[in-house]
Amino acid sequence: MIAVDCNGADRGPAEVAAGAAIAAKEGARTILFGPADELRQAVSDAPAGMIEVVDAPVSIAKSADPASAARANPDASIVQAAKAVAAGGAQALVCGGGTGAALAAGLFNIKRARGIHRPALALALPVPGRPVTLLDVGANAQARAEHLEQFAFMGAALARTVLGVEHPRVGLLSNGEEAERGSPLIQEAHARLRARVDAGADTFKLIGNVEGGDLVSGVADVIVTDGLTGNIALKTMEGVSQTMLRAIRDAATSSVKAKLGGVLLRPALGGLREEIDPEAQGGAYLLGLRRLGVVPHGGFHRRGFAQAILRARRGAREDLIGRTHAALEQAGALRRAPVSAQIASLPQNDA
């Protein structure tokens, strides 16, 4: 069962619900949170028994202060969806819009996993050929070096468990390949990761700094950055890919000869479009909570939301969170409790 917040999407709750109806036809069971009448109408053609609707018309997706809104509005759709996951009524969360609201509701209700500094949004970029996992793409506008260090291990674990990359190549997004390039944050994170590798960590291969062009060059399997930079890079890539697809379509219909050529190229171009279409990816994994979250783009159509639900179901079935956390623990990449806290937790013997 997947809990879905239907509020906040650019095309309205009904579009998210229509995506759930598509996913239901592929066997995905969901609980939809949003305006009940609108949702029920949108899923009227779904298979019986696959979709449950909870009336939750209150939305905090556009709140300027998601943390305060999540605390002050326990009846909000995203809060109710997160509570359903926390209580075990659903195995994963899908948020139809509002990354900040999803993160706040997840942290307050599902809770951060043991040893995790900060949750991160990780997305397999729609790059032809071999996908590149980019994180963080929006969960943390600000980050510290130890956060980026852990993101590297989280991304590598995701690449192994989901994409089957045995020994992922990890890079830090910077403005130059040299170790001394980049902001103080990137430099410190680079030094910390290099020290890990030099000390014998073999979870991944650190290739150092990579530049913006390397997001699509295939030089790295995982690229790590803060959420602000990652989100800008992601939105830029999505915008360029959509612009290029429109330009190709316009060129293929610009004349009779072009139309004839377009007919010949249509099968190949159709495959390319599917490969680079952001909606085909279903959205980003929200990692670092005790249960899995998937955050699709608020501008998706129903097909994209269906893919997000199917991705969440697949990740829950494959225990993505458990496997990723186990990989982090094995690598020694989890945050350790303070020594004082460890001592306090020890049993006390009376003298």
Protein backbone atom coordinates (compact mmCIF):
# COMPACT_ATOMS: atom_id res chain seq x y z
CA MET A 1 0.00 0.00 0.00
CA ILE A 2 1.31 3.45 -0.97
CA ALA A 3 0.13 6.65 0.75
CA VAL A 4 -0.29 9.47 -1.78
CA ASP A 5 -0.71 13.16 -1.02
CA CYS A 6 -2.78 14.44 -3.94
CA ASN A 7 -2.72 18.13 -3.02
CA GLY A 8 -0.16 20.60 -4.34
CA ALA A 9 0.28 19.28 -7.89
CA ASP A 10 0.26 21.93 -10.60
CA ARG A 11 -2.62 20.27 -12.47
CA GLY A 12 -4.69 19.63 -9.36
CA PRO A 13 -5.50 16.63 -7.13
CA ALA A 14 -7.53 14.88 -9.83
CA GLU A 15 -4.44 14.49 -12.03
CA VAL A 16 -2.55 12.75 -9.22
CA ALA A 17 -5.56 10.52 -8.56
CA ALA A 18 -5.78 9.66 -12.25
CA GLY A 19 -2.16 8.55 -12.00
CA ALA A 20 -3.12 6.30 -9.09
CA ALA A 21 -5.84 4.78 -11.26
CA ILE A 22 -3.25 3.99 -13.95
CA ALA A 23 -0.94 2.44 -11.33
CA ALA A 24 -3.85 0.43 -9.92
CA LYS A 25 -4.24 -1.27 -13.29
CA GLU A 26 -0.64 -2.46 -12.84
CA GLY A 27 -1.35 -3.82 -9.37
CA ALA A 28 -0.41 -0.89 -7.11
CA ARG A 29 -2.72 -0.31 -4.13
CA THR A 30 -2.91 3.25 -2.79
CA ILE A 31 -4.47 5.44 -0.12
CA LEU A 32 -5.21 8.86 -1.59
CA PHE A 33 -5.33 11.95 0.64
CA GLY A 34 -7.09 15.02 -0.75
CA PRO A 35 -10.57 16.39 -1.54
CA ALA A 36 -12.62 13.20 -1.52
CA ASP A 37 -15.30 14.05 -4.08
CA GLU A 38 -12.75 15.17 -6.66
CA LEU A 39 -10.54 12.14 -6.07
CA ARG A 40 -13.36 9.59 -6.26
CA GLN A 41 -14.51 10.98 -9.57
CA ALA A 42 -10.97 10.76 -10.97
CA VAL A 43 -10.55 7.08 -9.98
CA SER A 44 -14.01 5.86 -10.98
CA ASP A 45 -12.53 3.56 -13.62
CA ALA A 46 -9.88 2.03 -11.34
CA PRO A 47 -10.08 -1.68 -10.46
CA ALA A 48 -12.27 -2.32 -7.42
CA GLY A 49 -10.54 -2.50 -4.06
CA MET A 50 -7.25 -0.99 -5.23
CA ILE A 51 -7.75 2.62 -4.11
CA GLU A 52 -8.87 4.02 -0.76
CA VAL A 53 -9.76 7.70 -0.49
CA VAL A 54 -9.32 9.79 2.68
CA ASP A 55 -10.96 13.20 2.70
CA ALA A 56 -8.14 15.66 3.41
CA PRO A 57 -8.75 18.93 1.56
CA VAL A 58 -6.22 20.98 3.56
CA SER A 59 -2.95 21.54 1.67
CA ILE A 60 0.32 22.99 2.97
CA ALA A 61 2.22 22.32 -0.27
CA LYS A 62 2.72 26.03 -1.02
CA SER A 63 3.46 27.11 2.56
CA ALA A 64 6.38 29.53 2.98
CA ASP A 65 7.30 27.74 6.23
CA PRO A 66 6.61 24.02 5.70
CA ALA A 67 7.92 22.99 9.13
CA SER A 68 5.57 25.32 11.00
CA ALA A 69 2.70 24.41 8.68
CA ALA A 70 3.24 20.68 9.24
CA ARG A 71 3.14 21.19 13.00
CA ALA A 72 0.12 23.50 12.95
CA ASN A 73 -2.00 21.47 10.50
CA PRO A 74 -2.32 17.83 11.59
CA ASP A 75 -5.27 17.50 9.21
CA ALA A 76 -3.21 18.49 6.16
CA SER A 77 -3.12 15.86 3.44
CA ILE A 78 0.66 15.37 3.48
CA VAL A 79 0.70 15.08 7.28
CA GLN A 80 -2.05 12.46 7.24
CA ALA A 81 -0.26 10.55 4.48
CA ALA A 82 3.01 10.58 6.42
CA LYS A 83 1.23 9.39 9.56
CA ALA A 84 -0.26 6.50 7.63
CA VAL A 85 3.23 5.41 6.61
CA ALA A 86 4.59 5.86 10.13
CA ALA A 87 1.77 3.74 11.57
CA GLY A 88 2.38 0.94 9.10
CA GLY A 89 -0.85 1.45 7.16
CA ALA A 90 1.25 2.14 4.07
CA GLN A 91 4.79 1.12 3.14
CA ALA A 92 5.90 4.26 1.30
CA LEU A 93 4.95 7.89 0.75
CA VAL A 94 4.36 9.72 -2.53
CA CYS A 95 3.95 13.49 -2.43
CA GLY A 96 2.14 15.09 -5.34
CA GLY A 97 3.66 18.54 -4.80
CA GLY A 98 5.71 20.55 -2.32
CA THR A 99 9.11 19.07 -1.45
CA GLY A 100 9.40 21.15 1.72
CA ALA A 101 6.06 19.94 3.02
CA ALA A 102 6.94 16.31 2.24
CA LEU A 103 10.27 16.62 4.03
CA ALA A 104 8.77 18.32 7.09
CA ALA A 105 5.88 15.87 7.40
CA GLY A 106 8.27 12.97 6.89
CA LEU A 107 10.73 14.15 9.53
CA PHE A 108 8.04 14.85 12.12
CA ASN A 109 6.10 11.63 11.59
CA ILE A 110 8.08 8.93 9.78
CA LYS A 111 11.26 10.18 11.49
CA ARG A 112 14.87 10.26 10.38
CA ALA A 113 16.64 6.90 10.22
CA ARG A 114 19.23 6.14 12.88
CA GLY A 115 22.64 7.61 12.10
CA ILE A 116 21.47 9.88 9.25
CA HIS A 117 22.55 13.53 9.36
CA ARG A 118 20.05 14.81 6.80
CA PRO A 119 17.62 13.16 4.39
CA ALA A 120 18.39 13.70 0.72
CA LEU A 121 16.52 13.58 -2.57
CA ALA A 122 18.26 11.29 -5.03
CA LEU A 123 17.30 11.08 -8.69
CA ALA A 124 18.56 8.92 -11.52
CA LEU A 125 18.96 11.55 -14.22
CA PRO A 126 17.31 10.74 -17.56
CA VAL A 127 20.61 10.38 -19.42
CA PRO A 128 20.65 8.09 -22.49
CA GLY A 129 22.60 4.94 -21.83
CA ARG A 130 23.78 4.72 -18.23
CA PRO A 131 21.81 6.77 -15.67
CA VAL A 132 23.63 9.14 -13.30
CA THR A 133 22.34 9.47 -9.74
CA LEU A 134 22.35 13.08 -8.54
CA LEU A 135 21.81 14.02 -4.91
CA ASP A 136 20.75 16.15 -3.19
CA VAL A 137 18.24 17.62 -5.68
CA GLY A 138 16.20 19.70 -3.27
CA ALA A 139 15.88 18.47 0.31
CA ASN A 140 18.62 20.69 1.79
CA ALA A 141 19.30 24.16 0.45
CA GLN A 142 22.23 24.36 2.84
CA ALA A 143 24.55 21.53 3.79
CA ARG A 144 27.73 20.84 5.71
CA ALA A 145 30.69 18.78 4.56
CA GLU A 146 29.69 15.79 6.70
CA HIS A 147 26.28 15.84 5.00
CA LEU A 148 27.83 15.66 1.53
CA GLU A 149 30.13 12.91 2.78
CA GLN A 150 27.14 10.83 3.84
CA PHE A 151 25.25 11.68 0.65
CA ALA A 152 28.11 10.09 -1.28
CA PHE A 153 27.65 6.81 0.58
CA MET A 154 23.84 7.03 0.28
CA GLY A 155 24.08 7.63 -3.46
CA ALA A 156 26.55 4.80 -3.93
CA ALA A 157 24.31 2.43 -1.97
CA LEU A 158 21.33 3.47 -4.10
CA ALA A 159 23.30 2.97 -7.33
CA ARG A 160 24.26 -0.53 -6.23
CA THR A 161 20.89 -1.68 -4.90
CA VAL A 162 18.64 -0.12 -7.54
CA LEU A 163 20.77 0.31 -10.66
CA GLY A 164 23.07 -2.67 -10.18
CA VAL A 165 26.32 -0.67 -10.37
CA GLU A 166 28.78 -2.91 -8.53
CA HIS A 167 31.43 -0.28 -7.74
CA PRO A 168 29.95 3.19 -8.33
CA ARG A 169 32.15 6.10 -9.38
CA VAL A 170 31.37 9.10 -7.18
CA GLY A 171 32.14 12.74 -7.94
CA LEU A 172 31.49 16.10 -6.28
CA LEU A 173 29.85 18.75 -8.45
CA SER A 174 32.21 21.72 -8.68
CA ASN A 175 33.50 24.40 -11.05
CA GLY A 176 36.67 22.54 -11.86
CA GLU A 177 38.21 19.09 -11.59
CA GLU A 178 41.15 20.10 -9.39
CA ALA A 179 40.84 19.25 -5.68
CA GLU A 180 41.47 22.87 -4.70
CA ARG A 181 38.59 24.17 -6.83
CA GLY A 182 35.07 24.80 -5.60
CA SER A 183 33.57 26.40 -2.54
CA PRO A 184 34.95 25.76 0.97
CA LEU A 185 32.10 23.27 1.39
CA ILE A 186 33.18 21.26 -1.67
CA GLN A 187 36.83 21.42 -0.71
CA GLU A 188 36.15 20.13 2.80
CA ALA A 189 33.82 17.40 1.56
CA HIS A 190 36.45 16.36 -0.99
CA ALA A 191 39.09 16.14 1.72
CA ARG A 192 36.83 14.08 4.00
CA LEU A 193 35.95 11.63 1.24
CA ARG A 194 39.57 11.35 0.13
CA ALA A 195 40.56 10.56 3.72
CA ARG A 196 37.88 7.85 3.83
CA VAL A 197 39.19 6.26 0.66
CA ASP A 198 42.82 6.51 1.78
CA ALA A 199 41.82 4.83 5.04
CA GLY A 200 40.54 1.83 3.10
CA ALA A 201 36.88 2.55 2.36
CA ASP A 202 36.07 0.64 -0.83
CA THR A 203 32.31 1.22 -1.07
CA PHE A 204 32.85 3.34 -4.17
CA LYS A 205 35.53 4.81 -6.37
CA LEU A 206 36.08 8.51 -5.67
CA ILE A 207 36.89 10.29 -8.92
CA GLY A 208 37.06 13.72 -7.26
CA ASN A 209 35.46 16.88 -8.56
CA VAL A 210 33.34 16.89 -11.69
CA GLU A 211 31.95 19.81 -13.69
CA GLY A 212 28.44 20.56 -14.90
CA GLY A 213 29.01 18.91 -18.26
CA ASP A 214 29.83 15.66 -16.48
CA LEU A 215 26.21 15.33 -15.36
CA VAL A 216 25.59 13.76 -18.76
CA SER A 217 29.06 12.65 -19.84
CA GLY A 218 29.03 9.29 -18.04
CA VAL A 219 32.25 9.98 -16.14
CA ALA A 220 30.49 9.32 -12.81
CA ASP A 221 27.68 7.07 -11.61
CA VAL A 222 26.85 9.27 -8.61
CA ILE A 223 27.28 13.05 -8.36
CA VAL A 224 26.96 14.76 -4.99
CA THR A 225 26.06 18.36 -4.21
CA ASP A 226 23.89 20.46 -1.90
CA GLY A 227 20.14 20.67 -2.51
CA LEU A 228 20.17 24.21 -3.91
CA THR A 229 22.81 23.51 -6.55
CA GLY A 230 21.37 20.08 -7.31
CA ASN A 231 17.85 21.42 -7.81
CA ILE A 232 19.07 24.16 -10.15
CA ALA A 233 21.12 21.64 -12.14
CA LEU A 234 18.16 19.27 -12.38
CA LYS A 235 15.67 21.93 -13.49
CA THR A 236 18.17 23.19 -16.08
CA MET A 237 18.59 19.71 -17.51
CA GLU A 238 14.84 19.14 -17.62
CA GLY A 239 14.28 22.47 -19.35
CA VAL A 240 16.99 21.82 -21.94
CA SER A 241 15.72 18.32 -22.70
CA GLN A 242 12.14 19.52 -23.20
CA THR A 243 13.30 22.43 -25.36
CA MET A 244 15.36 20.09 -27.52
CA LEU A 245 12.45 17.70 -27.95
CA ARG A 246 10.19 20.55 -29.04
CA ALA A 247 12.87 21.83 -31.43
CA ILE A 248 13.25 18.38 -33.00
CA ARG A 249 9.48 18.06 -33.36
CA ASP A 250 9.20 21.50 -34.96
CA ALA A 251 12.06 20.75 -37.36
CA ALA A 252 10.48 17.41 -38.31
CA THR A 253 7.22 19.14 -39.28
CA SER A 254 8.66 22.24 -40.94
CA SER A 255 8.30 21.03 -44.55
CA VAL A 256 7.09 18.13 -46.64
CA LYS A 257 10.61 16.68 -46.88
CA ALA A 258 11.10 17.09 -43.15
CA LYS A 259 7.82 15.31 -42.47
CA LEU A 260 8.89 12.39 -44.66
CA GLY A 261 12.18 12.19 -42.78
CA GLY A 262 10.33 12.48 -39.49
CA VAL A 263 8.23 9.44 -40.35
CA LEU A 264 11.43 7.42 -40.87
CA LEU A 265 12.96 8.70 -37.63
CA ARG A 266 9.82 8.40 -35.50
CA PRO A 267 10.61 4.97 -33.96
CA ALA A 268 14.12 6.01 -32.95
CA LEU A 269 13.02 9.43 -31.70
CA GLY A 270 10.19 7.85 -29.74
CA GLY A 271 12.66 5.65 -27.90
CA LEU A 272 14.93 8.62 -27.21
CA ARG A 273 12.04 10.66 -25.87
CA GLU A 274 11.06 7.88 -23.52
CA GLU A 275 14.63 7.57 -22.29
CA ILE A 276 15.09 11.26 -21.45
CA ASP A 277 11.53 12.04 -20.34
CA PRO A 278 11.60 13.09 -16.63
CA GLU A 279 8.09 11.68 -16.12
CA ALA A 280 9.28 8.20 -17.07
CA GLN A 281 11.59 8.28 -14.04
CA GLY A 282 8.70 8.91 -11.64
CA GLY A 283 10.52 11.38 -9.43
CA ALA A 284 13.23 11.39 -6.79
CA TYR A 285 13.81 8.99 -3.92
CA LEU A 286 13.60 10.64 -0.50
CA LEU A 287 16.31 8.80 1.43
CA GLY A 288 17.24 9.03 5.09
CA LEU A 289 13.82 8.46 6.67
CA ARG A 290 12.70 5.21 8.29
CA ARG A 291 10.41 4.51 5.34
CA LEU A 292 10.74 5.29 1.65
CA GLY A 293 9.44 8.47 0.07
CA VAL A 294 9.14 9.38 -3.60
CA VAL A 295 8.76 13.02 -4.65
CA PRO A 296 7.62 13.56 -8.24
CA HIS A 297 7.72 16.95 -9.94
CA GLY A 298 4.58 18.95 -9.20
CA GLY A 299 4.18 19.63 -12.92
CA PHE A 300 3.90 15.96 -13.91
CA HIS A 301 0.94 14.60 -15.81
CA ARG A 302 -0.92 11.51 -14.60
CA ARG A 303 1.57 9.21 -16.31
CA GLY A 304 4.39 10.68 -14.23
CA PHE A 305 2.45 10.28 -10.98
CA ALA A 306 1.64 6.69 -11.92
CA GLN A 307 5.36 6.05 -12.37
CA ALA A 308 6.07 7.65 -8.97
CA ILE A 309 3.59 5.29 -7.29
CA LEU A 310 5.02 2.26 -9.09
CA ARG A 311 8.54 3.35 -8.16
CA ALA A 312 7.52 3.65 -4.51
CA ARG A 313 5.91 0.22 -4.57
CA ARG A 314 8.98 -1.34 -6.16
CA GLY A 315 11.31 0.38 -3.67
CA ALA A 316 9.23 -0.77 -0.71
CA ARG A 317 9.07 -4.36 -1.99
CA GLU A 318 12.82 -4.42 -2.51
CA ASP A 319 13.42 -2.89 0.95
CA LEU A 320 15.41 -0.06 -0.55
CA ILE A 321 15.60 1.82 2.77
CA GLY A 322 16.77 -1.22 4.72
CA ARG A 323 19.35 -2.21 2.12
CA THR A 324 20.68 1.33 1.78
CA HIS A 325 20.93 1.74 5.55
CA ALA A 326 22.72 -1.61 5.87
CA ALA A 327 25.23 -0.52 3.23
CA LEU A 328 25.87 2.73 5.12
CA GLU A 329 26.36 0.83 8.37
CA GLN A 330 28.76 -1.62 6.75
CA ALA A 331 30.77 1.29 5.36
CA GLY A 332 30.89 3.01 8.75
CA ALA A 333 29.16 6.04 7.25
CA LEU A 334 26.42 6.46 9.87
CA ARG A 335 26.58 9.25 12.42
CA ARG A 336 27.81 8.01 15.78
CA ALA A 337 26.13 8.97 19.04
CA PRO A 338 28.20 11.24 21.33
CA VAL A 339 30.42 9.36 23.76
CA SER A 340 28.46 10.77 26.71
CA ALA A 341 25.24 9.35 25.28
CA GLN A 342 26.87 5.97 24.73
CA ILE A 343 28.08 5.88 28.34
CA ALA A 344 24.68 6.91 29.64
CA SER A 345 23.06 4.03 27.77
CA LEU A 346 25.27 1.41 29.44
CA PRO A 347 23.75 -0.62 32.29
CA GLN A 348 24.81 0.63 35.73
CA ASN A 349 25.94 -1.93 38.31
CA ASP A 350 25.40 -1.15 41.97
CA ALA A 351 28.59 -1.36 44.00
